[in-house]
Amino acid sequence: MSTEQNKALVRRFYEEVFNKKNLAEVNAFVDPQIVEHDLPPGLLAGSEGTRQFIGMYLAAFPDLHLTAEDMIAEGDEVTARFTIRGTHRGELMGIPPTGRQVTVTGIQVMSIANGKIAENWVNFDALGMLHQLGVIPAMS
């Protein structure tokens, strides 16, 4: 696939799975044997772990919306800078719903193989999210 096709795949993944909340479509975009480098402990390997991770955030933030701010592709890799916005209405890793809105930024690097996301690294501002939820104090 070309770099433009790879970027289009990631855009469709964000739109269909995150923004339309269609977890059933994860396997349309993600290789069943995906290597996820940043999943929390306890989640399954492969695309099921990806589905669990995304589902956990969609349950905690039912109005979650992901915006790809920038996207760069070279060869079979796509890097995206994204912003996620949502309202904390469900439990998240033991944190009860706060009703607070959050805006979180992050970077994701994906390796594409055979038209699917085969390897994934994601880093987002988890401390900033916890501060916005009121779980931790502001850093001074």
N, C-alpha and C. Protein backbone atom coordinates (compact mmCIF):
# COMPACT_ATOMS: atom_id res chain seq x y z
N MET A 1 0.84 -1.18 0.00
CA MET A 1 0.00 0.00 0.00
C MET A 1 0.89 1.25 0.00
N SER A 2 0.39 2.31 -0.61
CA SER A 2 1.12 3.57 -0.63
C SER A 2 1.00 4.27 0.72
N THR A 3 1.84 5.27 0.95
CA THR A 3 1.75 6.02 2.20
C THR A 3 0.39 6.70 2.33
N GLU A 4 -0.16 7.18 1.23
CA GLU A 4 -1.49 7.82 1.28
C GLU A 4 -2.58 6.80 1.63
N GLN A 5 -2.46 5.58 1.11
CA GLN A 5 -3.42 4.53 1.45
C GLN A 5 -3.29 4.15 2.94
N ASN A 6 -2.08 4.10 3.43
CA ASN A 6 -1.86 3.79 4.85
C ASN A 6 -2.48 4.86 5.74
N LYS A 7 -2.28 6.13 5.39
CA LYS A 7 -2.87 7.22 6.18
C LYS A 7 -4.40 7.15 6.10
N ALA A 8 -4.96 6.84 4.94
CA ALA A 8 -6.41 6.72 4.80
C ALA A 8 -6.94 5.59 5.67
N LEU A 9 -6.21 4.47 5.76
CA LEU A 9 -6.61 3.36 6.63
C LEU A 9 -6.70 3.82 8.08
N VAL A 10 -5.70 4.55 8.55
CA VAL A 10 -5.69 5.03 9.93
C VAL A 10 -6.84 6.02 10.16
N ARG A 11 -7.07 6.92 9.21
CA ARG A 11 -8.19 7.86 9.35
C ARG A 11 -9.53 7.12 9.45
N ARG A 12 -9.72 6.11 8.61
CA ARG A 12 -10.96 5.32 8.65
C ARG A 12 -11.08 4.56 9.97
N PHE A 13 -9.96 4.03 10.47
CA PHE A 13 -9.93 3.35 11.77
C PHE A 13 -10.39 4.29 12.87
N TYR A 14 -9.82 5.49 12.92
CA TYR A 14 -10.22 6.47 13.93
C TYR A 14 -11.71 6.79 13.82
N GLU A 15 -12.16 7.04 12.61
CA GLU A 15 -13.56 7.44 12.43
C GLU A 15 -14.52 6.31 12.77
N GLU A 16 -14.28 5.14 12.23
CA GLU A 16 -15.23 4.03 12.39
C GLU A 16 -15.22 3.47 13.81
N VAL A 17 -14.04 3.23 14.36
CA VAL A 17 -13.95 2.55 15.66
C VAL A 17 -14.10 3.53 16.82
N PHE A 18 -13.38 4.63 16.81
CA PHE A 18 -13.45 5.58 17.92
C PHE A 18 -14.67 6.49 17.82
N ASN A 19 -14.79 7.20 16.72
CA ASN A 19 -15.83 8.23 16.64
C ASN A 19 -17.23 7.67 16.44
N LYS A 20 -17.34 6.56 15.71
CA LYS A 20 -18.65 5.91 15.53
C LYS A 20 -18.89 4.82 16.57
N LYS A 21 -17.89 4.59 17.42
CA LYS A 21 -17.98 3.61 18.52
C LYS A 21 -18.32 2.22 18.02
N ASN A 22 -17.73 1.83 16.91
CA ASN A 22 -18.04 0.55 16.29
C ASN A 22 -16.91 -0.45 16.56
N LEU A 23 -16.91 -1.03 17.77
CA LEU A 23 -15.86 -1.97 18.15
C LEU A 23 -15.87 -3.23 17.30
N ALA A 24 -17.01 -3.56 16.72
CA ALA A 24 -17.09 -4.74 15.86
C ALA A 24 -16.21 -4.61 14.63
N GLU A 25 -15.81 -3.39 14.29
CA GLU A 25 -14.99 -3.15 13.11
C GLU A 25 -13.48 -3.19 13.37
N VAL A 26 -13.07 -3.45 14.61
CA VAL A 26 -11.64 -3.46 14.91
C VAL A 26 -10.88 -4.38 13.97
N ASN A 27 -11.39 -5.59 13.75
CA ASN A 27 -10.67 -6.55 12.90
C ASN A 27 -10.63 -6.14 11.43
N ALA A 28 -11.46 -5.21 11.02
CA ALA A 28 -11.38 -4.71 9.66
C ALA A 28 -10.14 -3.85 9.46
N PHE A 29 -9.58 -3.33 10.54
CA PHE A 29 -8.44 -2.42 10.48
C PHE A 29 -7.18 -2.96 11.13
N VAL A 30 -7.34 -3.90 12.05
CA VAL A 30 -6.23 -4.37 12.88
C VAL A 30 -5.97 -5.85 12.60
N ASP A 31 -4.71 -6.18 12.40
CA ASP A 31 -4.32 -7.58 12.22
C ASP A 31 -4.66 -8.36 13.48
N PRO A 32 -5.22 -9.57 13.34
CA PRO A 32 -5.58 -10.36 14.54
C PRO A 32 -4.38 -10.61 15.46
N GLN A 33 -3.17 -10.62 14.92
CA GLN A 33 -1.96 -10.86 15.71
C GLN A 33 -1.18 -9.57 15.98
N ILE A 34 -1.87 -8.43 15.97
CA ILE A 34 -1.20 -7.14 16.18
C ILE A 34 -0.29 -7.20 17.42
N VAL A 35 0.84 -6.54 17.30
CA VAL A 35 1.75 -6.39 18.44
C VAL A 35 1.46 -5.02 19.04
N GLU A 36 0.89 -5.03 20.23
CA GLU A 36 0.56 -3.80 20.96
C GLU A 36 1.63 -3.58 22.01
N HIS A 37 2.34 -2.46 21.92
CA HIS A 37 3.45 -2.21 22.83
C HIS A 37 3.04 -1.51 24.12
N ASP A 38 1.82 -0.98 24.20
CA ASP A 38 1.48 -0.14 25.34
C ASP A 38 0.15 -0.49 26.01
N LEU A 39 -0.32 -1.71 25.88
CA LEU A 39 -1.57 -2.09 26.55
C LEU A 39 -1.33 -2.25 28.05
N PRO A 40 -2.34 -1.89 28.85
CA PRO A 40 -2.21 -2.11 30.29
C PRO A 40 -2.16 -3.62 30.59
N PRO A 41 -1.58 -4.00 31.72
CA PRO A 41 -1.54 -5.41 32.10
C PRO A 41 -2.96 -5.98 32.21
N GLY A 42 -3.08 -7.27 31.90
CA GLY A 42 -4.35 -7.95 32.05
C GLY A 42 -5.20 -8.02 30.81
N LEU A 43 -4.85 -7.25 29.78
CA LEU A 43 -5.63 -7.32 28.54
C LEU A 43 -5.07 -8.43 27.65
N LEU A 44 -5.94 -8.99 26.84
CA LEU A 44 -5.54 -10.06 25.95
C LEU A 44 -4.57 -9.56 24.89
N ALA A 45 -3.83 -10.49 24.29
CA ALA A 45 -2.94 -10.15 23.18
C ALA A 45 -3.74 -10.04 21.90
N GLY A 46 -3.12 -9.48 20.88
CA GLY A 46 -3.74 -9.40 19.56
C GLY A 46 -4.87 -8.40 19.48
N SER A 47 -5.68 -8.54 18.44
CA SER A 47 -6.74 -7.57 18.19
C SER A 47 -7.79 -7.56 19.29
N GLU A 48 -7.96 -8.66 20.01
CA GLU A 48 -8.92 -8.66 21.12
C GLU A 48 -8.47 -7.72 22.23
N GLY A 49 -7.16 -7.67 22.49
CA GLY A 49 -6.64 -6.72 23.47
C GLY A 49 -6.84 -5.28 23.00
N THR A 50 -6.65 -5.05 21.70
CA THR A 50 -6.91 -3.72 21.13
C THR A 50 -8.37 -3.34 21.35
N ARG A 51 -9.27 -4.28 21.06
CA ARG A 51 -10.72 -4.03 21.23
C ARG A 51 -11.04 -3.75 22.70
N GLN A 52 -10.44 -4.52 23.62
CA GLN A 52 -10.69 -4.30 25.05
C GLN A 52 -10.21 -2.91 25.48
N PHE A 53 -9.03 -2.52 25.02
CA PHE A 53 -8.46 -1.23 25.41
C PHE A 53 -9.34 -0.08 24.91
N ILE A 54 -9.70 -0.12 23.65
CA ILE A 54 -10.55 0.94 23.09
C ILE A 54 -11.92 0.91 23.77
N GLY A 55 -12.47 -0.27 23.96
CA GLY A 55 -13.77 -0.40 24.62
C GLY A 55 -13.78 0.17 26.02
N MET A 56 -12.68 -0.01 26.75
CA MET A 56 -12.56 0.53 28.10
C MET A 56 -12.71 2.06 28.08
N TYR A 57 -12.06 2.70 27.11
CA TYR A 57 -12.14 4.16 27.02
C TYR A 57 -13.49 4.63 26.48
N LEU A 58 -14.07 3.88 25.55
CA LEU A 58 -15.39 4.26 25.03
C LEU A 58 -16.46 4.12 26.11
N ALA A 59 -16.32 3.13 27.00
CA ALA A 59 -17.27 2.97 28.10
C ALA A 59 -17.11 4.09 29.12
N ALA A 60 -15.88 4.51 29.37
CA ALA A 60 -15.63 5.58 30.35
C ALA A 60 -15.98 6.95 29.80
N PHE A 61 -15.83 7.12 28.48
CA PHE A 61 -16.09 8.41 27.82
C PHE A 61 -17.02 8.15 26.64
N PRO A 62 -18.32 7.97 26.89
CA PRO A 62 -19.23 7.59 25.81
C PRO A 62 -19.36 8.62 24.69
N ASP A 63 -18.99 9.86 24.95
CA ASP A 63 -19.03 10.88 23.90
C ASP A 63 -17.63 11.14 23.33
N LEU A 64 -16.70 10.23 23.56
CA LEU A 64 -15.33 10.38 23.10
C LEU A 64 -15.28 10.71 21.61
N HIS A 65 -14.42 11.65 21.28
CA HIS A 65 -14.18 11.99 19.87
C HIS A 65 -12.68 12.16 19.67
N LEU A 66 -12.15 11.46 18.68
CA LEU A 66 -10.73 11.51 18.37
C LEU A 66 -10.53 12.31 17.09
N THR A 67 -9.63 13.28 17.15
CA THR A 67 -9.29 14.10 15.99
C THR A 67 -7.82 13.88 15.65
N ALA A 68 -7.54 13.48 14.43
CA ALA A 68 -6.16 13.38 13.96
C ALA A 68 -5.70 14.78 13.59
N GLU A 69 -4.77 15.32 14.35
CA GLU A 69 -4.29 16.68 14.11
C GLU A 69 -3.26 16.71 12.99
N ASP A 70 -2.36 15.74 12.99
CA ASP A 70 -1.31 15.62 11.98
C ASP A 70 -1.10 14.15 11.70
N MET A 71 -0.67 13.83 10.49
CA MET A 71 -0.36 12.46 10.15
C MET A 71 0.81 12.46 9.17
N ILE A 72 1.80 11.64 9.47
CA ILE A 72 2.99 11.52 8.63
C ILE A 72 3.18 10.04 8.34
N ALA A 73 3.47 9.72 7.10
CA ALA A 73 3.70 8.33 6.73
C ALA A 73 4.99 8.22 5.93
N GLU A 74 5.70 7.14 6.20
CA GLU A 74 6.89 6.81 5.43
C GLU A 74 6.99 5.29 5.37
N GLY A 75 7.11 4.76 4.19
CA GLY A 75 7.14 3.31 4.04
C GLY A 75 5.87 2.71 4.58
N ASP A 76 6.00 1.75 5.49
CA ASP A 76 4.82 1.08 6.04
C ASP A 76 4.43 1.61 7.41
N GLU A 77 4.97 2.77 7.81
CA GLU A 77 4.64 3.33 9.11
C GLU A 77 3.86 4.63 8.98
N VAL A 78 2.89 4.79 9.89
CA VAL A 78 2.09 6.01 9.98
C VAL A 78 2.21 6.52 11.41
N THR A 79 2.52 7.80 11.53
CA THR A 79 2.56 8.46 12.84
C THR A 79 1.47 9.51 12.85
N ALA A 80 0.67 9.49 13.92
CA ALA A 80 -0.43 10.46 14.05
C ALA A 80 -0.30 11.20 15.37
N ARG A 81 -0.53 12.49 15.31
CA ARG A 81 -0.69 13.30 16.53
C ARG A 81 -2.19 13.53 16.65
N PHE A 82 -2.75 13.17 17.81
CA PHE A 82 -4.20 13.21 17.94
C PHE A 82 -4.63 13.95 19.20
N THR A 83 -5.90 14.34 19.20
CA THR A 83 -6.54 14.91 20.38
C THR A 83 -7.81 14.12 20.63
N ILE A 84 -8.01 13.73 21.88
CA ILE A 84 -9.24 13.05 22.28
C ILE A 84 -9.97 13.96 23.25
N ARG A 85 -11.27 14.09 23.02
CA ARG A 85 -12.13 14.86 23.92
C ARG A 85 -13.28 13.97 24.36
N GLY A 86 -13.69 14.13 25.61
CA GLY A 86 -14.82 13.34 26.08
C GLY A 86 -15.19 13.70 27.50
N THR A 87 -16.34 13.19 27.92
CA THR A 87 -16.86 13.42 29.26
C THR A 87 -16.81 12.10 30.03
N HIS A 88 -16.22 12.13 31.20
CA HIS A 88 -16.02 10.93 32.01
C HIS A 88 -17.35 10.52 32.67
N ARG A 89 -18.05 9.57 32.04
CA ARG A 89 -19.36 9.14 32.51
C ARG A 89 -19.38 7.68 32.97
N GLY A 90 -18.26 6.97 32.80
CA GLY A 90 -18.19 5.57 33.22
C GLY A 90 -16.89 5.31 33.94
N GLU A 91 -16.83 4.19 34.65
CA GLU A 91 -15.64 3.81 35.40
C GLU A 91 -14.45 3.62 34.46
N LEU A 92 -13.29 4.08 34.89
CA LEU A 92 -12.06 3.93 34.11
C LEU A 92 -10.96 3.43 35.03
N MET A 93 -10.60 2.15 34.90
CA MET A 93 -9.53 1.54 35.68
C MET A 93 -9.66 1.87 37.17
N GLY A 94 -10.86 1.70 37.70
CA GLY A 94 -11.11 1.92 39.11
C GLY A 94 -11.48 3.34 39.49
N ILE A 95 -11.46 4.26 38.53
CA ILE A 95 -11.82 5.65 38.80
C ILE A 95 -13.31 5.81 38.51
N PRO A 96 -14.12 6.12 39.53
CA PRO A 96 -15.56 6.28 39.28
C PRO A 96 -15.83 7.50 38.40
N PRO A 97 -16.96 7.52 37.72
CA PRO A 97 -17.28 8.66 36.84
C PRO A 97 -17.25 9.98 37.60
N THR A 98 -16.66 10.99 36.96
CA THR A 98 -16.56 12.32 37.58
C THR A 98 -17.48 13.33 36.90
N GLY A 99 -17.93 13.02 35.70
CA GLY A 99 -18.71 13.98 34.93
C GLY A 99 -17.87 15.09 34.32
N ARG A 100 -16.57 15.02 34.49
CA ARG A 100 -15.69 16.06 33.97
C ARG A 100 -15.33 15.81 32.51
N GLN A 101 -15.15 16.90 31.79
CA GLN A 101 -14.70 16.80 30.41
C GLN A 101 -13.18 16.85 30.38
N VAL A 102 -12.62 16.08 29.46
CA VAL A 102 -11.17 16.05 29.31
C VAL A 102 -10.79 16.30 27.86
N THR A 103 -9.62 16.85 27.69
CA THR A 103 -8.98 16.98 26.38
C THR A 103 -7.57 16.44 26.54
N VAL A 104 -7.26 15.40 25.79
CA VAL A 104 -6.00 14.69 25.94
C VAL A 104 -5.32 14.60 24.58
N THR A 105 -4.02 14.88 24.55
CA THR A 105 -3.27 14.77 23.30
C THR A 105 -2.35 13.55 23.36
N GLY A 106 -2.00 13.06 22.18
CA GLY A 106 -1.11 11.91 22.14
C GLY A 106 -0.47 11.72 20.77
N ILE A 107 0.42 10.75 20.73
CA ILE A 107 1.13 10.37 19.51
C ILE A 107 0.97 8.86 19.35
N GLN A 108 0.71 8.43 18.14
CA GLN A 108 0.58 7.01 17.86
C GLN A 108 1.41 6.68 16.62
N VAL A 109 2.19 5.60 16.71
CA VAL A 109 2.97 5.11 15.59
C VAL A 109 2.47 3.72 15.26
N MET A 110 2.08 3.51 14.01
CA MET A 110 1.53 2.23 13.58
C MET A 110 2.30 1.70 12.38
N SER A 111 2.55 0.41 12.40
CA SER A 111 3.16 -0.26 11.27
C SER A 111 2.04 -0.99 10.53
N ILE A 112 1.98 -0.80 9.22
CA ILE A 112 0.91 -1.38 8.39
C ILE A 112 1.49 -2.54 7.60
N ALA A 113 0.77 -3.66 7.59
CA ALA A 113 1.16 -4.82 6.78
C ALA A 113 -0.09 -5.47 6.22
N ASN A 114 -0.08 -5.77 4.95
CA ASN A 114 -1.22 -6.43 4.29
C ASN A 114 -2.54 -5.68 4.51
N GLY A 115 -2.46 -4.34 4.51
CA GLY A 115 -3.66 -3.53 4.60
C GLY A 115 -4.26 -3.40 5.99
N LYS A 116 -3.50 -3.81 7.03
CA LYS A 116 -4.00 -3.71 8.40
C LYS A 116 -2.90 -3.20 9.33
N ILE A 117 -3.33 -2.66 10.46
CA ILE A 117 -2.38 -2.20 11.47
C ILE A 117 -1.81 -3.44 12.14
N ALA A 118 -0.49 -3.63 12.02
CA ALA A 118 0.16 -4.85 12.50
C ALA A 118 0.97 -4.64 13.78
N GLU A 119 1.35 -3.40 14.02
CA GLU A 119 2.13 -3.09 15.22
C GLU A 119 1.77 -1.67 15.65
N ASN A 120 1.71 -1.45 16.98
CA ASN A 120 1.20 -0.18 17.47
C ASN A 120 1.93 0.26 18.73
N TRP A 121 2.32 1.53 18.73
CA TRP A 121 2.84 2.21 19.90
C TRP A 121 1.97 3.44 20.11
N VAL A 122 1.51 3.68 21.31
CA VAL A 122 0.71 4.88 21.57
C VAL A 122 1.16 5.49 22.89
N ASN A 123 1.25 6.81 22.89
CA ASN A 123 1.64 7.55 24.08
C ASN A 123 0.72 8.76 24.17
N PHE A 124 -0.01 8.88 25.28
CA PHE A 124 -0.89 10.03 25.45
C PHE A 124 -0.68 10.62 26.84
N ASP A 125 -1.17 11.82 27.04
CA ASP A 125 -0.96 12.55 28.29
C ASP A 125 -1.86 12.00 29.40
N ALA A 126 -1.50 10.82 29.92
CA ALA A 126 -2.30 10.18 30.96
C ALA A 126 -2.30 11.01 32.25
N LEU A 127 -1.16 11.61 32.61
CA LEU A 127 -1.14 12.44 33.82
C LEU A 127 -2.04 13.66 33.67
N GLY A 128 -2.02 14.27 32.48
CA GLY A 128 -2.91 15.40 32.23
C GLY A 128 -4.37 14.99 32.33
N MET A 129 -4.70 13.80 31.82
CA MET A 129 -6.07 13.30 31.90
C MET A 129 -6.47 13.10 33.36
N LEU A 130 -5.59 12.49 34.16
CA LEU A 130 -5.89 12.26 35.57
C LEU A 130 -6.06 13.57 36.33
N HIS A 131 -5.26 14.57 35.98
CA HIS A 131 -5.42 15.90 36.59
C HIS A 131 -6.78 16.49 36.21
N GLN A 132 -7.15 16.41 34.94
CA GLN A 132 -8.44 16.94 34.50
C GLN A 132 -9.61 16.23 35.18
N LEU A 133 -9.43 14.95 35.49
CA LEU A 133 -10.48 14.19 36.18
C LEU A 133 -10.51 14.50 37.68
N GLY A 134 -9.51 15.22 38.17
CA GLY A 134 -9.45 15.56 39.58
C GLY A 134 -8.88 14.46 40.45
N VAL A 135 -8.25 13.47 39.83
CA VAL A 135 -7.71 12.32 40.56
C VAL A 135 -6.36 12.65 41.17
N ILE A 136 -5.57 13.50 40.50
CA ILE A 136 -4.28 13.91 41.02
C ILE A 136 -4.24 15.44 41.01
N PRO A 137 -3.45 16.03 41.91
CA PRO A 137 -3.36 17.50 41.93
C PRO A 137 -2.54 18.01 40.74
N ALA A 138 -2.72 19.28 40.47
CA ALA A 138 -1.94 19.92 39.41
C ALA A 138 -0.47 19.92 39.82
N MET A 139 0.38 19.73 38.82
CA MET A 139 1.82 19.78 39.09
C MET A 139 2.26 21.23 39.10
N SER A 140 3.08 21.59 40.07
CA SER A 140 3.54 22.98 40.12
C SER A 140 4.98 23.12 39.76
